Amino acid sequence: MAPRATTRRYSHVSVRRVRTAVIAVGMGASLVLGAGAALAATPSQGSADTLTVASAGSLGSSVKAQAAAVQKAVDAKKAAAVQKAVDAKKAADAKANAWETPVAKYAIGAAFGLAGNLWSHNHSGQDFVVPSGTPVRAAHSGVVVKAGPGGAGDGPAYGNAIVIQHDNQTYSQYAHLSQINVRIGQSVTTGQEIGLSGSTGNSTGPHLHFEIRTTPNYGSAVEPLKFLRDHGVKI
């Protein structure tokens, strides 16, 4: 009697494992080589073991499209960051080139050139009436060339005073201060606090005496309100 033939049956699990391995190899090869075909597990109707073949070109196009989208987002973010930095620099440059009043809120006091027994000569600056302790700010960027009591060398009538050198041989002076917050040689920016208002020196009450000069010294003052208006300051 002939031996009885036996038939081996493979489980669906074994077939699926083999199919998965083939798919993985096929896809890896398509992505690395950029050619050929990749296998995709797409069962057809009536058969759980049928494999379909997907074009490696279609997979490559999808990957390239995703990479392009990511790169576009990265480029947009970089461009936005660069533009933000450019805008910030423009704003900083505009502020540095601008002029401001030496105090934010004030009442206009004694005017430039005013005569009277309060001064040995006509009034050499413009008074801004403010309470004692009001922050005094640099009207423009520059370098401090004078700072101290006794008018910082311009005479005791000024009390505590500061002189800042600006571009184009222009200087600004701030007098009768109760406090000085800068030192000689220090660079300051437009709007930076340099001291506090007061009533030191020859003063009848708290206020800021402000001058625009053509030199750092007393006797070279020009009309400060006109100067500020000519430089775009609304007073």
C-alpha atoms as a PDB file:
ATOM      1  CA  MET A   1       0.000   0.000   0.000  1.00  0.00           C
ATOM      2  CA  ALA A   2       1.346   3.404  -1.014  1.00  0.00           C
ATOM      3  CA  PRO A   3       2.046   5.832   1.775  1.00  0.00           C
ATOM      4  CA  ARG A   4      -0.722   8.295   2.461  1.00  0.00           C
ATOM      5  CA  ALA A   5      -0.086  11.745   1.098  1.00  0.00           C
ATOM      6  CA  THR A   6      -0.194  14.566   3.594  1.00  0.00           C
ATOM      7  CA  THR A   7      -1.194  18.162   2.937  1.00  0.00           C
ATOM      8  CA  ARG A   8       0.261  21.119   4.834  1.00  0.00           C
ATOM      9  CA  ARG A   9      -1.944  24.046   5.564  1.00  0.00           C
ATOM     10  CA  TYR A  10      -0.512  27.460   6.354  1.00  0.00           C
ATOM     11  CA  SER A  11      -2.401  29.578   8.737  1.00  0.00           C
ATOM     12  CA  HIS A  12      -3.572  33.036   7.791  1.00  0.00           C
ATOM     13  CA  VAL A  13      -1.219  34.391  10.434  1.00  0.00           C
ATOM     14  CA  SER A  14       1.829  32.884   8.709  1.00  0.00           C
ATOM     15  CA  VAL A  15       0.755  34.194   5.321  1.00  0.00           C
ATOM     16  CA  ARG A  16       0.199  37.660   6.701  1.00  0.00           C
ATOM     17  CA  ARG A  17       3.576  37.707   8.414  1.00  0.00           C
ATOM     18  CA  VAL A  18       5.291  36.761   5.165  1.00  0.00           C
ATOM     19  CA  ARG A  19       3.296  39.343   3.269  1.00  0.00           C
ATOM     20  CA  THR A  20       4.175  42.081   5.790  1.00  0.00           C
ATOM     21  CA  ALA A  21       7.855  41.264   5.525  1.00  0.00           C
ATOM     22  CA  VAL A  22       7.709  41.436   1.734  1.00  0.00           C
ATOM     23  CA  ILE A  23       5.906  44.763   1.881  1.00  0.00           C
ATOM     24  CA  ALA A  24       8.505  46.225   4.237  1.00  0.00           C
ATOM     25  CA  VAL A  25      11.364  45.110   2.010  1.00  0.00           C
ATOM     26  CA  GLY A  26       9.636  46.432  -1.083  1.00  0.00           C
ATOM     27  CA  MET A  27       8.921  49.852   0.400  1.00  0.00           C
ATOM     28  CA  GLY A  28      12.431  50.187   1.797  1.00  0.00           C
ATOM     29  CA  ALA A  29      13.915  49.393  -1.551  1.00  0.00           C
ATOM     30  CA  SER A  30      11.695  51.888  -3.347  1.00  0.00           C
ATOM     31  CA  LEU A  31      12.546  54.700  -0.951  1.00  0.00           C
ATOM     32  CA  VAL A  32      16.288  54.018  -1.021  1.00  0.00           C
ATOM     33  CA  LEU A  33      16.707  53.311  -4.712  1.00  0.00           C
ATOM     34  CA  GLY A  34      13.999  55.646  -5.976  1.00  0.00           C
ATOM     35  CA  ALA A  35      13.035  53.088  -8.645  1.00  0.00           C
ATOM     36  CA  GLY A  36      11.170  49.842  -9.042  1.00  0.00           C
ATOM     37  CA  ALA A  37       7.972  49.085  -7.209  1.00  0.00           C
ATOM     38  CA  ALA A  38       6.782  49.011  -3.597  1.00  0.00           C
ATOM     39  CA  LEU A  39       4.344  46.450  -2.331  1.00  0.00           C
ATOM     40  CA  ALA A  40       1.208  47.516  -0.526  1.00  0.00           C
ATOM     41  CA  ALA A  41      -1.057  45.239   1.435  1.00  0.00           C
ATOM     42  CA  THR A  42      -4.301  45.716  -0.420  1.00  0.00           C
ATOM     43  CA  PRO A  43      -6.390  42.559  -0.295  1.00  0.00           C
ATOM     44  CA  SER A  44      -8.665  41.992  -3.257  1.00  0.00           C
ATOM     45  CA  GLN A  45     -12.195  40.781  -2.906  1.00  0.00           C
ATOM     46  CA  GLY A  46     -12.412  37.098  -2.085  1.00  0.00           C
ATOM     47  CA  SER A  47      -8.734  36.680  -1.232  1.00  0.00           C
ATOM     48  CA  ALA A  48      -6.815  37.686   1.873  1.00  0.00           C
ATOM     49  CA  ASP A  49      -3.488  36.822   0.302  1.00  0.00           C
ATOM     50  CA  THR A  50      -3.485  39.012  -2.829  1.00  0.00           C
ATOM     51  CA  LEU A  51      -0.826  41.766  -2.980  1.00  0.00           C
ATOM     52  CA  THR A  52      -1.035  44.881  -5.122  1.00  0.00           C
ATOM     53  CA  VAL A  53       1.909  46.841  -6.410  1.00  0.00           C
ATOM     54  CA  ALA A  54       2.142  50.656  -5.883  1.00  0.00           C
ATOM     55  CA  SER A  55       4.418  52.836  -7.971  1.00  0.00           C
ATOM     56  CA  ALA A  56       7.612  53.978  -6.285  1.00  0.00           C
ATOM     57  CA  GLY A  57       7.270  57.236  -8.203  1.00  0.00           C
ATOM     58  CA  SER A  58       3.931  58.012  -6.535  1.00  0.00           C
ATOM     59  CA  LEU A  59       5.433  57.383  -3.094  1.00  0.00           C
ATOM     60  CA  GLY A  60       8.442  59.533  -3.939  1.00  0.00           C
ATOM     61  CA  SER A  61       6.205  62.387  -5.079  1.00  0.00           C
ATOM     62  CA  SER A  62       4.256  62.239  -1.816  1.00  0.00           C
ATOM     63  CA  VAL A  63       7.435  62.370   0.262  1.00  0.00           C
ATOM     64  CA  LYS A  64       8.794  65.256  -1.798  1.00  0.00           C
ATOM     65  CA  ALA A  65       5.513  67.169  -1.414  1.00  0.00           C
ATOM     66  CA  GLN A  66       5.607  66.763   2.357  1.00  0.00           C
ATOM     67  CA  ALA A  67       9.251  67.831   2.520  1.00  0.00           C
ATOM     68  CA  ALA A  68       8.486  70.892   0.385  1.00  0.00           C
ATOM     69  CA  ALA A  69       5.598  71.848   2.684  1.00  0.00           C
ATOM     70  CA  VAL A  70       7.823  71.559   5.760  1.00  0.00           C
ATOM     71  CA  GLN A  71      10.570  73.611   4.107  1.00  0.00           C
ATOM     72  CA  LYS A  72       8.060  76.272   3.087  1.00  0.00           C
ATOM     73  CA  ALA A  73       6.844  76.586   6.685  1.00  0.00           C
ATOM     74  CA  VAL A  74      10.435  76.843   7.946  1.00  0.00           C
ATOM     75  CA  ASP A  75      11.283  79.502   5.345  1.00  0.00           C
ATOM     76  CA  ALA A  76       8.170  81.506   6.248  1.00  0.00           C
ATOM     77  CA  LYS A  77       9.093  81.414   9.934  1.00  0.00           C
ATOM     78  CA  LYS A  78      12.642  82.550   9.176  1.00  0.00           C
ATOM     79  CA  ALA A  79      11.381  85.361   6.953  1.00  0.00           C
ATOM     80  CA  ALA A  80       8.976  86.535   9.677  1.00  0.00           C
ATOM     81  CA  ALA A  81      11.787  86.546  12.260  1.00  0.00           C
ATOM     82  CA  VAL A  82      14.065  88.529   9.940  1.00  0.00           C
ATOM     83  CA  GLN A  83      11.318  91.064   9.194  1.00  0.00           C
ATOM     84  CA  LYS A  84      10.590  91.454  12.907  1.00  0.00           C
ATOM     85  CA  ALA A  85      14.259  92.190  13.580  1.00  0.00           C
ATOM     86  CA  VAL A  86      14.364  94.708  10.709  1.00  0.00           C
ATOM     87  CA  ASP A  87      11.228  96.474  11.985  1.00  0.00           C
ATOM     88  CA  ALA A  88      12.640  96.602  15.525  1.00  0.00           C
ATOM     89  CA  LYS A  89      15.874  98.150  14.257  1.00  0.00           C
ATOM     90  CA  LYS A  90      13.965 100.728  12.210  1.00  0.00           C
ATOM     91  CA  ALA A  91      11.901 101.657  15.267  1.00  0.00           C
ATOM     92  CA  ALA A  92      15.037 101.931  17.403  1.00  0.00           C
ATOM     93  CA  ASP A  93      16.780 104.071  14.772  1.00  0.00           C
ATOM     94  CA  ALA A  94      13.721 106.308  14.434  1.00  0.00           C
ATOM     95  CA  LYS A  95      13.600 106.821  18.197  1.00  0.00           C
ATOM     96  CA  ALA A  96      17.333 107.531  18.365  1.00  0.00           C
ATOM     97  CA  ASN A  97      17.018 110.172  15.634  1.00  0.00           C
ATOM     98  CA  ALA A  98      13.938 111.784  17.178  1.00  0.00           C
ATOM     99  CA  TRP A  99      13.712 114.578  19.725  1.00  0.00           C
ATOM    100  CA  GLU A 100      11.372 114.690  22.735  1.00  0.00           C
ATOM    101  CA  THR A 101      10.431 117.138  25.431  1.00  0.00           C
ATOM    102  CA  PRO A 102      12.615 116.666  28.525  1.00  0.00           C
ATOM    103  CA  VAL A 103       9.572 115.790  30.668  1.00  0.00           C
ATOM    104  CA  ALA A 104       6.432 113.907  29.660  1.00  0.00           C
ATOM    105  CA  LYS A 105       3.792 116.095  31.358  1.00  0.00           C
ATOM    106  CA  TYR A 106       4.353 119.742  32.176  1.00  0.00           C
ATOM    107  CA  ALA A 107       3.135 123.317  32.194  1.00  0.00           C
ATOM    108  CA  ILE A 108       5.072 125.956  30.268  1.00  0.00           C
ATOM    109  CA  GLY A 109       6.892 128.323  32.619  1.00  0.00           C
ATOM    110  CA  ALA A 110       9.325 131.225  32.108  1.00  0.00           C
ATOM    111  CA  ALA A 111      10.261 131.555  28.443  1.00  0.00           C
ATOM    112  CA  PHE A 112      13.642 131.939  26.775  1.00  0.00           C
ATOM    113  CA  GLY A 113      14.960 135.520  26.663  1.00  0.00           C
ATOM    114  CA  LEU A 114      12.666 136.774  29.403  1.00  0.00           C
ATOM    115  CA  ALA A 115      14.095 139.738  31.322  1.00  0.00           C
ATOM    116  CA  GLY A 116      13.641 140.352  35.028  1.00  0.00           C
ATOM    117  CA  ASN A 117      15.305 140.596  38.398  1.00  0.00           C
ATOM    118  CA  LEU A 118      15.304 136.798  38.775  1.00  0.00           C
ATOM    119  CA  TRP A 119      18.264 136.536  36.404  1.00  0.00           C
ATOM    120  CA  SER A 120      21.505 138.428  36.060  1.00  0.00           C
ATOM    121  CA  HIS A 121      20.937 138.309  32.289  1.00  0.00           C
ATOM    122  CA  ASN A 122      17.903 137.435  30.229  1.00  0.00           C
ATOM    123  CA  HIS A 123      16.501 133.949  30.849  1.00  0.00           C
ATOM    124  CA  SER A 124      18.756 131.498  29.006  1.00  0.00           C
ATOM    125  CA  GLY A 125      16.341 128.580  28.698  1.00  0.00           C
ATOM    126  CA  GLN A 126      12.772 127.353  28.870  1.00  0.00           C
ATOM    127  CA  ASP A 127      11.184 126.361  32.173  1.00  0.00           C
ATOM    128  CA  PHE A 128       8.938 123.294  32.333  1.00  0.00           C
ATOM    129  CA  VAL A 129       6.866 123.461  35.512  1.00  0.00           C
ATOM    130  CA  VAL A 130       6.636 120.011  37.106  1.00  0.00           C
ATOM    131  CA  PRO A 131       6.493 118.642  40.667  1.00  0.00           C
ATOM    132  CA  SER A 132       9.771 117.875  42.389  1.00  0.00           C
ATOM    133  CA  GLY A 133      10.858 114.300  41.685  1.00  0.00           C
ATOM    134  CA  THR A 134       9.442 114.181  38.153  1.00  0.00           C
ATOM    135  CA  PRO A 135      11.556 111.969  35.855  1.00  0.00           C
ATOM    136  CA  VAL A 136      13.703 114.065  33.513  1.00  0.00           C
ATOM    137  CA  ARG A 137      14.633 112.397  30.237  1.00  0.00           C
ATOM    138  CA  ALA A 138      17.224 112.987  27.546  1.00  0.00           C
ATOM    139  CA  ALA A 139      15.632 115.026  24.775  1.00  0.00           C
ATOM    140  CA  HIS A 140      17.867 113.263  22.245  1.00  0.00           C
ATOM    141  CA  SER A 141      20.546 110.577  22.176  1.00  0.00           C
ATOM    142  CA  GLY A 142      24.085 111.674  22.982  1.00  0.00           C
ATOM    143  CA  VAL A 143      26.896 111.641  25.516  1.00  0.00           C
ATOM    144  CA  VAL A 144      26.909 113.297  28.935  1.00  0.00           C
ATOM    145  CA  VAL A 145      29.660 115.934  29.047  1.00  0.00           C
ATOM    146  CA  LYS A 146      28.688 117.672  32.304  1.00  0.00           C
ATOM    147  CA  ALA A 147      26.946 116.409  35.419  1.00  0.00           C
ATOM    148  CA  GLY A 148      27.050 117.677  38.966  1.00  0.00           C
ATOM    149  CA  PRO A 149      26.241 120.446  41.470  1.00  0.00           C
ATOM    150  CA  GLY A 150      27.011 124.134  40.958  1.00  0.00           C
ATOM    151  CA  GLY A 151      25.467 123.971  37.491  1.00  0.00           C
ATOM    152  CA  ALA A 152      28.089 121.320  36.581  1.00  0.00           C
ATOM    153  CA  GLY A 153      30.520 124.184  36.082  1.00  0.00           C
ATOM    154  CA  ASP A 154      28.073 126.742  34.668  1.00  0.00           C
ATOM    155  CA  GLY A 155      27.423 128.469  37.999  1.00  0.00           C
ATOM    156  CA  PRO A 156      25.554 127.791  41.263  1.00  0.00           C
ATOM    157  CA  ALA A 157      22.371 129.451  39.988  1.00  0.00           C
ATOM    158  CA  TYR A 158      21.651 126.276  37.978  1.00  0.00           C
ATOM    159  CA  GLY A 159      21.880 123.960  41.007  1.00  0.00           C
ATOM    160  CA  ASN A 160      22.347 120.315  40.041  1.00  0.00           C
ATOM    161  CA  ALA A 161      22.687 120.188  36.269  1.00  0.00           C
ATOM    162  CA  ILE A 162      23.455 117.933  33.300  1.00  0.00           C
ATOM    163  CA  VAL A 163      24.699 118.776  29.808  1.00  0.00           C
ATOM    164  CA  ILE A 164      24.432 116.264  26.936  1.00  0.00           C
ATOM    165  CA  GLN A 165      26.306 116.526  23.647  1.00  0.00           C
ATOM    166  CA  HIS A 166      24.316 115.556  20.557  1.00  0.00           C
ATOM    167  CA  ASP A 167      25.211 115.390  16.871  1.00  0.00           C
ATOM    168  CA  ASN A 168      25.894 118.498  14.761  1.00  0.00           C
ATOM    169  CA  GLN A 169      27.456 120.441  17.663  1.00  0.00           C
ATOM    170  CA  THR A 170      24.182 120.644  19.585  1.00  0.00           C
ATOM    171  CA  TYR A 171      23.945 120.383  23.374  1.00  0.00           C
ATOM    172  CA  SER A 172      21.027 120.192  25.804  1.00  0.00           C
ATOM    173  CA  GLN A 173      21.122 121.315  29.449  1.00  0.00           C
ATOM    174  CA  TYR A 174      18.879 120.243  32.360  1.00  0.00           C
ATOM    175  CA  ALA A 175      19.053 122.289  35.580  1.00  0.00           C
ATOM    176  CA  HIS A 176      17.651 122.640  39.137  1.00  0.00           C
ATOM    177  CA  LEU A 177      17.589 118.838  39.471  1.00  0.00           C
ATOM    178  CA  SER A 178      16.988 117.116  42.796  1.00  0.00           C
ATOM    179  CA  GLN A 179      18.844 114.023  41.602  1.00  0.00           C
ATOM    180  CA  ILE A 180      21.379 113.168  38.876  1.00  0.00           C
ATOM    181  CA  ASN A 181      21.288 109.609  37.515  1.00  0.00           C
ATOM    182  CA  VAL A 182      24.037 109.753  34.870  1.00  0.00           C
ATOM    183  CA  ARG A 183      27.787 110.329  34.836  1.00  0.00           C
ATOM    184  CA  ILE A 184      30.182 112.168  32.530  1.00  0.00           C
ATOM    185  CA  GLY A 185      31.084 110.076  29.486  1.00  0.00           C
ATOM    186  CA  GLN A 186      27.899 107.993  29.625  1.00  0.00           C
ATOM    187  CA  SER A 187      25.944 107.457  26.403  1.00  0.00           C
ATOM    188  CA  VAL A 188      22.198 108.034  26.659  1.00  0.00           C
ATOM    189  CA  THR A 189      19.290 107.375  24.327  1.00  0.00           C
ATOM    190  CA  THR A 190      16.290 109.521  23.474  1.00  0.00           C
ATOM    191  CA  GLY A 191      13.779 109.364  26.305  1.00  0.00           C
ATOM    192  CA  GLN A 192      16.167 107.772  28.807  1.00  0.00           C
ATOM    193  CA  GLU A 193      15.715 108.971  32.391  1.00  0.00           C
ATOM    194  CA  ILE A 194      18.749 111.016  33.428  1.00  0.00           C
ATOM    195  CA  GLY A 195      17.582 112.559  36.697  1.00  0.00           C
ATOM    196  CA  LEU A 196      14.709 113.970  38.736  1.00  0.00           C
ATOM    197  CA  SER A 197      13.367 117.511  38.727  1.00  0.00           C
ATOM    198  CA  GLY A 198      13.785 119.735  41.768  1.00  0.00           C
ATOM    199  CA  SER A 199      14.377 123.267  42.942  1.00  0.00           C
ATOM    200  CA  THR A 200      18.124 123.452  43.567  1.00  0.00           C
ATOM    201  CA  GLY A 201      20.118 126.602  42.820  1.00  0.00           C
ATOM    202  CA  ASN A 202      18.421 129.896  42.021  1.00  0.00           C
ATOM    203  CA  SER A 203      14.832 128.666  41.854  1.00  0.00           C
ATOM    204  CA  THR A 204      11.465 129.953  43.035  1.00  0.00           C
ATOM    205  CA  GLY A 205       9.846 126.495  43.030  1.00  0.00           C
ATOM    206  CA  PRO A 206      10.078 123.014  41.518  1.00  0.00           C
ATOM    207  CA  HIS A 207      10.617 123.049  37.780  1.00  0.00           C
ATOM    208  CA  LEU A 208      13.060 121.980  35.065  1.00  0.00           C
ATOM    209  CA  HIS A 209      15.221 124.596  33.384  1.00  0.00           C
ATOM    210  CA  PHE A 210      15.989 123.353  29.864  1.00  0.00           C
ATOM    211  CA  GLU A 211      18.429 124.787  27.334  1.00  0.00           C
ATOM    212  CA  ILE A 212      19.579 124.044  23.803  1.00  0.00           C
ATOM    213  CA  ARG A 213      23.146 125.224  23.225  1.00  0.00           C
ATOM    214  CA  THR A 214      25.710 125.360  20.442  1.00  0.00           C
ATOM    215  CA  THR A 215      28.529 124.646  22.930  1.00  0.00           C
ATOM    216  CA  PRO A 216      28.529 122.849  26.299  1.00  0.00           C
ATOM    217  CA  ASN A 217      28.936 126.142  28.159  1.00  0.00           C
ATOM    218  CA  TYR A 218      26.735 128.928  29.403  1.00  0.00           C
ATOM    219  CA  GLY A 219      26.181 131.799  26.958  1.00  0.00           C
ATOM    220  CA  SER A 220      25.570 129.732  23.788  1.00  0.00           C
ATOM    221  CA  ALA A 221      21.870 128.986  24.260  1.00  0.00           C
ATOM    222  CA  VAL A 222      19.283 129.258  21.461  1.00  0.00           C
ATOM    223  CA  GLU A 223      15.470 129.379  21.707  1.00  0.00           C
ATOM    224  CA  PRO A 224      14.636 125.797  22.824  1.00  0.00           C
ATOM    225  CA  LEU A 225      10.936 125.584  21.972  1.00  0.00           C
ATOM    226  CA  LYS A 226      11.521 126.694  18.385  1.00  0.00           C
ATOM    227  CA  PHE A 227      14.379 124.198  18.120  1.00  0.00           C
ATOM    228  CA  LEU A 228      12.214 121.330  19.369  1.00  0.00           C
ATOM    229  CA  ARG A 229       9.332 122.254  17.057  1.00  0.00           C
ATOM    230  CA  ASP A 230      11.722 122.450  14.116  1.00  0.00           C
ATOM    231  CA  HIS A 231      12.751 118.872  14.984  1.00  0.00           C
ATOM    232  CA  GLY A 232       9.211 117.514  14.957  1.00  0.00           C
ATOM    233  CA  VAL A 233       8.264 117.862  18.622  1.00  0.00           C
ATOM    234  CA  LYS A 234       4.710 118.987  19.371  1.00  0.00           C
ATOM    235  CA  ILE A 235       4.585 121.375  22.317  1.00  0.00           C
END
